Amino acid sequence: MLTGKQRRFLRALGTGIDPVIQIGKGGIGDTLVQQLDEALEARELVKIRVINNAPLEPREIAEQLAEATNSELVQVIGRNLLYYRRSLKKPSIELPS
C-alpha cells in the first residue's frame, strides 16, 4: 500500500511518460494482462490509455487490472491510468519513506 507522499512522487514521475498500452473495444484479456505484467516488471511505472470504444469505464478497468497484475493503481485521470509495481529483478524507482 502506497502512502500519500509516495503517490504524489509517482504521479510527478508519471507526468513525463507516454502511455505504453491502449485498451480498446477488446477490453481486458489475458494478453493485455500479460503485456501490463511485463511492462511493470521492466519499467515499474506504466501509463495506460483507455480508448473511447472500450466496453467498461476507465475506473472499472483500472481496478480490474490492478487486481489482475498485483500492482498499485496510482491515479486515474480521465482515460489515463497510472500503475506502479516494484520490479523483482531490477528495481529502479526509489520511493520516499
C-alpha atoms as a PDB file:
ATOM      1  CA  MET A   1       0.000   0.000   0.000  1.00  0.00           C
ATOM      2  CA  LEU A   2       1.361   3.388  -1.004  1.00  0.00           C
ATOM      3  CA  THR A   3       1.381   6.412   1.269  1.00  0.00           C
ATOM      4  CA  GLY A   4       0.158   9.813   0.110  1.00  0.00           C
ATOM      5  CA  LYS A   5       3.728  11.060  -0.205  1.00  0.00           C
ATOM      6  CA  GLN A   6       4.695   8.073  -2.369  1.00  0.00           C
ATOM      7  CA  ARG A   7       1.612   8.550  -4.589  1.00  0.00           C
ATOM      8  CA  ARG A   8       2.491  12.216  -5.135  1.00  0.00           C
ATOM      9  CA  PHE A   9       6.051  11.232  -6.016  1.00  0.00           C
ATOM     10  CA  LEU A  10       4.845   8.622  -8.543  1.00  0.00           C
ATOM     11  CA  ARG A  11       2.262  10.998 -10.050  1.00  0.00           C
ATOM     12  CA  ALA A  12       5.033  13.536 -10.618  1.00  0.00           C
ATOM     13  CA  LEU A  13       7.148  10.889 -12.364  1.00  0.00           C
ATOM     14  CA  GLY A  14       4.128   9.780 -14.399  1.00  0.00           C
ATOM     15  CA  THR A  15       3.527  13.173 -15.992  1.00  0.00           C
ATOM     16  CA  GLY A  16       6.606  12.772 -18.167  1.00  0.00           C
ATOM     17  CA  ILE A  17       5.857   9.336 -19.619  1.00  0.00           C
ATOM     18  CA  ASP A  18       3.675   8.376 -22.573  1.00  0.00           C
ATOM     19  CA  PRO A  19       1.050   5.610 -22.491  1.00  0.00           C
ATOM     20  CA  VAL A  20       2.595   2.227 -23.237  1.00  0.00           C
ATOM     21  CA  ILE A  21      -0.645   0.258 -23.639  1.00  0.00           C
ATOM     22  CA  GLN A  22      -4.007   1.212 -25.119  1.00  0.00           C
ATOM     23  CA  ILE A  23      -7.253  -0.526 -24.213  1.00  0.00           C
ATOM     24  CA  GLY A  24      -9.937  -0.509 -26.901  1.00  0.00           C
ATOM     25  CA  LYS A  25     -13.033  -2.445 -27.815  1.00  0.00           C
ATOM     26  CA  GLY A  26     -11.347  -5.763 -26.960  1.00  0.00           C
ATOM     27  CA  GLY A  27     -11.384  -4.820 -23.282  1.00  0.00           C
ATOM     28  CA  ILE A  28      -9.325  -6.759 -20.754  1.00  0.00           C
ATOM     29  CA  GLY A  29      -7.960 -10.068 -21.990  1.00  0.00           C
ATOM     30  CA  ASP A  30      -5.205 -12.439 -20.967  1.00  0.00           C
ATOM     31  CA  THR A  31      -2.746 -10.914 -23.444  1.00  0.00           C
ATOM     32  CA  LEU A  32      -3.412  -7.411 -22.140  1.00  0.00           C
ATOM     33  CA  VAL A  33      -2.817  -8.535 -18.549  1.00  0.00           C
ATOM     34  CA  GLN A  34       0.385 -10.259 -19.639  1.00  0.00           C
ATOM     35  CA  GLN A  35       1.559  -7.135 -21.504  1.00  0.00           C
ATOM     36  CA  LEU A  36       0.951  -4.968 -18.451  1.00  0.00           C
ATOM     37  CA  ASP A  37       2.678  -7.502 -16.206  1.00  0.00           C
ATOM     38  CA  GLU A  38       5.782  -7.487 -18.431  1.00  0.00           C
ATOM     39  CA  ALA A  39       5.768  -3.689 -18.743  1.00  0.00           C
ATOM     40  CA  LEU A  40       5.554  -3.294 -14.962  1.00  0.00           C
ATOM     41  CA  GLU A  41       8.488  -5.660 -14.457  1.00  0.00           C
ATOM     42  CA  ALA A  42      10.581  -3.744 -16.995  1.00  0.00           C
ATOM     43  CA  ARG A  43       9.586  -0.160 -16.084  1.00  0.00           C
ATOM     44  CA  GLU A  44       7.885  -0.240 -12.668  1.00  0.00           C
ATOM     45  CA  LEU A  45       5.713   2.787 -13.602  1.00  0.00           C
ATOM     46  CA  VAL A  46       3.342   2.312 -16.548  1.00  0.00           C
ATOM     47  CA  LYS A  47       0.741   4.588 -18.081  1.00  0.00           C
ATOM     48  CA  ILE A  48      -2.255   3.168 -19.970  1.00  0.00           C
ATOM     49  CA  ARG A  49      -4.817   4.942 -22.141  1.00  0.00           C
ATOM     50  CA  VAL A  50      -8.415   3.727 -22.374  1.00  0.00           C
ATOM     51  CA  ILE A  51      -9.912   4.422 -25.822  1.00  0.00           C
ATOM     52  CA  ASN A  52     -13.497   5.726 -26.106  1.00  0.00           C
ATOM     53  CA  ASN A  53     -14.872   2.462 -27.520  1.00  0.00           C
ATOM     54  CA  ALA A  54     -13.712   0.341 -24.541  1.00  0.00           C
ATOM     55  CA  PRO A  55     -16.521  -1.826 -23.115  1.00  0.00           C
ATOM     56  CA  LEU A  56     -16.034  -0.639 -19.497  1.00  0.00           C
ATOM     57  CA  GLU A  57     -15.467   2.683 -17.794  1.00  0.00           C
ATOM     58  CA  PRO A  58     -11.822   3.610 -17.064  1.00  0.00           C
ATOM     59  CA  ARG A  59     -12.282   3.281 -13.273  1.00  0.00           C
ATOM     60  CA  GLU A  60     -13.650  -0.279 -13.614  1.00  0.00           C
ATOM     61  CA  ILE A  61     -10.820  -1.273 -15.952  1.00  0.00           C
ATOM     62  CA  ALA A  62      -8.269   0.296 -13.592  1.00  0.00           C
ATOM     63  CA  GLU A  63      -9.424  -1.702 -10.597  1.00  0.00           C
ATOM     64  CA  GLN A  64      -9.607  -4.990 -12.511  1.00  0.00           C
ATOM     65  CA  LEU A  65      -6.109  -4.583 -13.960  1.00  0.00           C
ATOM     66  CA  ALA A  66      -4.602  -3.631 -10.595  1.00  0.00           C
ATOM     67  CA  GLU A  67      -6.032  -6.798  -9.082  1.00  0.00           C
ATOM     68  CA  ALA A  68      -5.010  -8.996 -12.026  1.00  0.00           C
ATOM     69  CA  THR A  69      -1.390  -7.772 -12.035  1.00  0.00           C
ATOM     70  CA  ASN A  70      -0.986  -7.328  -8.271  1.00  0.00           C
ATOM     71  CA  SER A  71       0.025  -3.697  -8.823  1.00  0.00           C
ATOM     72  CA  GLU A  72      -0.863  -0.355  -7.255  1.00  0.00           C
ATOM     73  CA  LEU A  73      -3.205   1.984  -9.085  1.00  0.00           C
ATOM     74  CA  VAL A  74      -1.514   5.351  -8.608  1.00  0.00           C
ATOM     75  CA  GLN A  75      -4.083   7.531 -10.356  1.00  0.00           C
ATOM     76  CA  VAL A  76      -6.895   7.746 -12.873  1.00  0.00           C
ATOM     77  CA  ILE A  77      -7.198  10.997 -14.797  1.00  0.00           C
ATOM     78  CA  GLY A  78      -9.882  10.959 -17.466  1.00  0.00           C
ATOM     79  CA  ARG A  79      -8.980   7.981 -19.619  1.00  0.00           C
ATOM     80  CA  ASN A  80      -5.352   7.661 -18.472  1.00  0.00           C
ATOM     81  CA  LEU A  81      -4.353   5.112 -15.825  1.00  0.00           C
ATOM     82  CA  LEU A  82      -1.055   5.023 -13.952  1.00  0.00           C
ATOM     83  CA  TYR A  83       0.238   1.822 -12.303  1.00  0.00           C
ATOM     84  CA  TYR A  84       3.222   1.029 -10.111  1.00  0.00           C
ATOM     85  CA  ARG A  85       4.770  -2.246  -9.060  1.00  0.00           C
ATOM     86  CA  ARG A  86       8.301  -2.688  -7.746  1.00  0.00           C
ATOM     87  CA  SER A  87      10.466  -4.783 -10.057  1.00  0.00           C
ATOM     88  CA  LEU A  88      11.731  -8.033  -8.626  1.00  0.00           C
ATOM     89  CA  LYS A  89      14.823  -8.185 -10.855  1.00  0.00           C
ATOM     90  CA  LYS A  90      15.991  -4.570 -11.244  1.00  0.00           C
ATOM     91  CA  PRO A  91      14.217  -2.008  -9.032  1.00  0.00           C
ATOM     92  CA  SER A  92      14.952   1.477 -10.342  1.00  0.00           C
ATOM     93  CA  ILE A  93      12.463   3.802  -8.599  1.00  0.00           C
ATOM     94  CA  GLU A  94      13.335   4.675  -5.019  1.00  0.00           C
ATOM     95  CA  LEU A  95      10.154   5.677  -3.180  1.00  0.00           C
ATOM     96  CA  PRO A  96      10.275   8.268  -0.396  1.00  0.00           C
ATOM     97  CA  SER A  97       9.580   6.859   3.053  1.00  0.00           C
END
